[in-house]
């Protein structure tokens, strides 16, 4: 983030949010399914 040098006293603000439970396993499952799907397509084209 770039500081606005016209207002040197102002602190930088960081936007955050509370983590949502359960999305990490869903994300990894979707990545795994995608990799398997691409591997099947690659195997069928050889």
PDB file of N, CA and C in Angstrom:
ATOM      1  N   UNK A   1       0.837  -1.171   0.000  1.00  0.00           N
ATOM      2  CA  UNK A   1       0.000   0.000   0.000  1.00  0.00           C
ATOM      3  C   UNK A   1       0.884   1.236   0.000  1.00  0.00           C
ATOM      4  N   UNK A   2       0.513   2.208  -0.773  1.00  0.00           N
ATOM      5  CA  UNK A   2       1.268   3.447  -0.824  1.00  0.00           C
ATOM      6  C   UNK A   2       0.737   4.430   0.206  1.00  0.00           C
ATOM      7  N   UNK A   3       1.658   5.122   0.808  1.00  0.00           N
ATOM      8  CA  UNK A   3       1.254   6.147   1.764  1.00  0.00           C
ATOM      9  C   UNK A   3       0.951   7.437   1.009  1.00  0.00           C
ATOM     10  N   UNK A   4      -0.043   8.151   1.481  1.00  0.00           N
ATOM     11  CA  UNK A   4      -0.351   9.463   0.941  1.00  0.00           C
ATOM     12  C   UNK A   4       0.531  10.460   1.684  1.00  0.00           C
ATOM     13  N   UNK A   5       1.550  10.971   1.014  1.00  0.00           N
ATOM     14  CA  UNK A   5       2.525  11.829   1.685  1.00  0.00           C
ATOM     15  C   UNK A   5       1.957  13.189   2.075  1.00  0.00           C
ATOM     16  N   UNK A   6       0.776  13.535   1.590  1.00  0.00           N
ATOM     17  CA  UNK A   6       0.183  14.806   1.988  1.00  0.00           C
ATOM     18  C   UNK A   6      -0.370  14.739   3.401  1.00  0.00           C
ATOM     19  N   UNK A   7      -0.626  13.530   3.913  1.00  0.00           N
ATOM     20  CA  UNK A   7      -1.129  13.343   5.279  1.00  0.00           C
ATOM     21  C   UNK A   7      -0.239  12.325   5.995  1.00  0.00           C
ATOM     22  N   UNK A   8       0.968  12.721   6.399  1.00  0.00           N
ATOM     23  CA  UNK A   8       1.900  11.741   6.976  1.00  0.00           C
ATOM     24  C   UNK A   8       1.477  11.185   8.329  1.00  0.00           C
ATOM     25  N   UNK A   9       0.573  11.853   9.080  1.00  0.00           N
ATOM     26  CA  UNK A   9       0.182  11.373  10.400  1.00  0.00           C
ATOM     27  C   UNK A   9      -0.866  10.265  10.325  1.00  0.00           C
ATOM     28  N   UNK A  10      -1.527  10.128   9.198  1.00  0.00           N
ATOM     29  CA  UNK A  10      -2.623   9.161   9.087  1.00  0.00           C
ATOM     30  C   UNK A  10      -2.085   7.731   9.017  1.00  0.00           C
ATOM     31  N   UNK A  11      -2.672   6.845   9.794  1.00  0.00           N
ATOM     32  CA  UNK A  11      -2.252   5.441   9.826  1.00  0.00           C
ATOM     33  C   UNK A  11      -2.814   4.688   8.631  1.00  0.00           C
ATOM     34  N   UNK A  12      -2.104   3.655   8.196  1.00  0.00           N
ATOM     35  CA  UNK A  12      -2.609   2.784   7.140  1.00  0.00           C
ATOM     36  C   UNK A  12      -3.715   1.908   7.715  1.00  0.00           C
ATOM     37  N   UNK A  13      -4.766   1.700   6.939  1.00  0.00           N
ATOM     38  CA  UNK A  13      -5.869   0.841   7.386  1.00  0.00           C
ATOM     39  C   UNK A  13      -5.825  -0.455   6.594  1.00  0.00           C
ATOM     40  N   UNK A  14      -6.043  -1.563   7.284  1.00  0.00           N
ATOM     41  CA  UNK A  14      -6.049  -2.879   6.663  1.00  0.00           C
ATOM     42  C   UNK A  14      -7.454  -3.450   6.779  1.00  0.00           C
ATOM     43  N   UNK A  15      -8.027  -3.837   5.650  1.00  0.00           N
ATOM     44  CA  UNK A  15      -9.355  -4.441   5.673  1.00  0.00           C
ATOM     45  C   UNK A  15      -9.216  -5.930   5.958  1.00  0.00           C
ATOM     46  N   UNK A  16      -9.911  -6.410   6.953  1.00  0.00           N
ATOM     47  CA  UNK A  16      -9.866  -7.828   7.309  1.00  0.00           C
ATOM     48  C   UNK A  16     -11.284  -8.357   7.469  1.00  0.00           C
ATOM     49  N   UNK A  17     -11.392  -9.661   7.570  1.00  0.00           N
ATOM     50  CA  UNK A  17     -12.685 -10.281   7.830  1.00  0.00           C
ATOM     51  C   UNK A  17     -12.457 -11.532   8.660  1.00  0.00           C
ATOM     52  N   UNK A  18     -13.499 -11.976   9.305  1.00  0.00           N
ATOM     53  CA  UNK A  18     -13.408 -13.202  10.091  1.00  0.00           C
ATOM     54  C   UNK A  18     -13.382 -14.396   9.144  1.00  0.00           C
ATOM     55  N   UNK A  19     -12.511 -15.374   9.402  1.00  0.00           N
ATOM     56  CA  UNK A  19     -12.466 -16.544   8.526  1.00  0.00           C
ATOM     57  C   UNK A  19     -13.759 -17.342   8.596  1.00  0.00           C
ATOM     58  N   UNK A  20     -14.143 -17.895   7.459  1.00  0.00           N
ATOM     59  CA  UNK A  20     -15.353 -18.712   7.384  1.00  0.00           C
ATOM     60  C   UNK A  20     -14.933 -20.169   7.531  1.00  0.00           C
ATOM     61  N   UNK A  21     -15.511 -20.844   8.510  1.00  0.00           N
ATOM     62  CA  UNK A  21     -15.145 -22.235   8.779  1.00  0.00           C
ATOM     63  C   UNK A  21     -15.638 -23.157   7.667  1.00  0.00           C
ATOM     64  N   UNK A  22     -14.830 -24.148   7.318  1.00  0.00           N
ATOM     65  CA  UNK A  22     -15.250 -25.177   6.389  1.00  0.00           C
ATOM     66  C   UNK A  22     -14.891 -24.933   4.937  1.00  0.00           C
ATOM     67  N   UNK A  23     -14.399 -23.768   4.591  1.00  0.00           N
ATOM     68  CA  UNK A  23     -14.097 -23.498   3.186  1.00  0.00           C
ATOM     69  C   UNK A  23     -12.755 -24.046   2.747  1.00  0.00           C
ATOM     70  N   UNK A  24     -11.821 -24.238   3.661  1.00  0.00           N
ATOM     71  CA  UNK A  24     -10.509 -24.769   3.283  1.00  0.00           C
ATOM     72  C   UNK A  24     -10.622 -26.191   2.718  1.00  0.00           C
ATOM     73  N   UNK A  25     -11.339 -27.128   3.354  1.00  0.00           N
ATOM     74  CA  UNK A  25     -11.472 -28.465   2.762  1.00  0.00           C
ATOM     75  C   UNK A  25     -12.223 -28.440   1.431  1.00  0.00           C
ATOM     76  N   UNK A  26     -13.209 -27.562   1.309  1.00  0.00           N
ATOM     77  CA  UNK A  26     -13.946 -27.450   0.046  1.00  0.00           C
ATOM     78  C   UNK A  26     -13.013 -26.969  -1.049  1.00  0.00           C
ATOM     79  N   UNK A  27     -12.180 -25.992  -0.755  1.00  0.00           N
ATOM     80  CA  UNK A  27     -11.226 -25.472  -1.738  1.00  0.00           C
ATOM     81  C   UNK A  27     -10.273 -26.565  -2.188  1.00  0.00           C
ATOM     82  N   UNK A  28      -9.700 -27.315  -1.240  1.00  0.00           N
ATOM     83  CA  UNK A  28      -8.756 -28.366  -1.607  1.00  0.00           C
ATOM     84  C   UNK A  28      -9.437 -29.490  -2.374  1.00  0.00           C
ATOM     85  N   UNK A  29     -10.668 -29.799  -2.051  1.00  0.00           N
ATOM     86  CA  UNK A  29     -11.399 -30.831  -2.791  1.00  0.00           C
ATOM     87  C   UNK A  29     -11.633 -30.383  -4.229  1.00  0.00           C
ATOM     88  N   UNK A  30     -12.004 -29.138  -4.425  1.00  0.00           N
ATOM     89  CA  UNK A  30     -12.214 -28.638  -5.790  1.00  0.00           C
ATOM     90  C   UNK A  30     -10.920 -28.606  -6.591  1.00  0.00           C
ATOM     91  N   UNK A  31      -9.819 -28.251  -5.951  1.00  0.00           N
ATOM     92  CA  UNK A  31      -8.520 -28.267  -6.645  1.00  0.00           C
ATOM     93  C   UNK A  31      -8.154 -29.695  -7.024  1.00  0.00           C
ATOM     94  N   UNK A  32      -8.382 -30.647  -6.130  1.00  0.00           N
ATOM     95  CA  UNK A  32      -8.067 -32.047  -6.421  1.00  0.00           C
ATOM     96  C   UNK A  32      -8.918 -32.573  -7.570  1.00  0.00           C
ATOM     97  N   UNK A  33     -10.210 -32.263  -7.582  1.00  0.00           N
ATOM     98  CA  UNK A  33     -11.088 -32.697  -8.676  1.00  0.00           C
ATOM     99  C   UNK A  33     -10.632 -32.081  -9.985  1.00  0.00           C
ATOM    100  N   UNK A  34     -10.222 -30.823  -9.965  1.00  0.00           N
ATOM    101  CA  UNK A  34      -9.754 -30.156 -11.175  1.00  0.00           C
ATOM    102  C   UNK A  34      -8.484 -30.801 -11.718  1.00  0.00           C
ATOM    103  N   UNK A  35      -7.565 -31.138 -10.832  1.00  0.00           N
ATOM    104  CA  UNK A  35      -6.318 -31.776 -11.262  1.00  0.00           C
ATOM    105  C   UNK A  35      -6.604 -33.151 -11.860  1.00  0.00           C
ATOM    106  N   UNK A  36      -7.488 -33.920 -11.242  1.00  0.00           N
ATOM    107  CA  UNK A  36      -7.845 -35.237 -11.775  1.00  0.00           C
ATOM    108  C   UNK A  36      -8.516 -35.080 -13.139  1.00  0.00           C
ATOM    109  N   UNK A  37      -9.398 -34.115 -13.279  1.00  0.00           N
ATOM    110  CA  UNK A  37     -10.075 -33.869 -14.553  1.00  0.00           C
ATOM    111  C   UNK A  37      -9.066 -33.522 -15.650  1.00  0.00           C
ATOM    112  N   UNK A  38      -8.122 -32.655 -15.355  1.00  0.00           N
ATOM    113  CA  UNK A  38      -7.100 -32.310 -16.346  1.00  0.00           C
ATOM    114  C   UNK A  38      -6.206 -33.499 -16.671  1.00  0.00           C
ATOM    115  N   UNK A  39      -5.905 -34.336 -15.682  1.00  0.00           N
ATOM    116  CA  UNK A  39      -5.095 -35.525 -15.934  1.00  0.00           C
ATOM    117  C   UNK A  39      -5.839 -36.500 -16.855  1.00  0.00           C
ATOM    118  N   UNK A  40      -7.150 -36.653 -16.662  1.00  0.00           N
ATOM    119  CA  UNK A  40      -7.943 -37.529 -17.531  1.00  0.00           C
ATOM    120  C   UNK A  40      -7.946 -36.998 -18.960  1.00  0.00           C
ATOM    121  N   UNK A  41      -8.134 -35.701 -19.118  1.00  0.00           N
ATOM    122  CA  UNK A  41      -8.136 -35.117 -20.456  1.00  0.00           C
ATOM    123  C   UNK A  41      -6.768 -35.310 -21.115  1.00  0.00           C
ATOM    124  N   UNK A  42      -5.680 -35.096 -20.376  1.00  0.00           N
ATOM    125  CA  UNK A  42      -4.355 -35.282 -20.926  1.00  0.00           C
ATOM    126  C   UNK A  42      -4.124 -36.745 -21.312  1.00  0.00           C
ATOM    127  N   UNK A  43      -4.579 -37.682 -20.475  1.00  0.00           N
ATOM    128  CA  UNK A  43      -4.383 -39.108 -20.763  1.00  0.00           C
ATOM    129  C   UNK A  43      -5.167 -39.531 -22.002  1.00  0.00           C
ATOM    130  N   UNK A  44      -6.337 -38.960 -22.233  1.00  0.00           N
ATOM    131  CA  UNK A  44      -7.145 -39.331 -23.394  1.00  0.00           C
ATOM    132  C   UNK A  44      -6.597 -38.747 -24.702  1.00  0.00           C
ATOM    133  N   UNK A  45      -5.829 -37.673 -24.614  1.00  0.00           N
ATOM    134  CA  UNK A  45      -5.300 -37.060 -25.833  1.00  0.00           C
ATOM    135  C   UNK A  45      -3.972 -37.662 -26.250  1.00  0.00           C
ATOM    136  N   UNK A  46      -3.350 -38.454 -25.413  1.00  0.00           N
ATOM    137  CA  UNK A  46      -2.063 -39.056 -25.786  1.00  0.00           C
ATOM    138  C   UNK A  46      -2.238 -40.254 -26.690  1.00  0.00           C
TER     139      UNK A  46
END
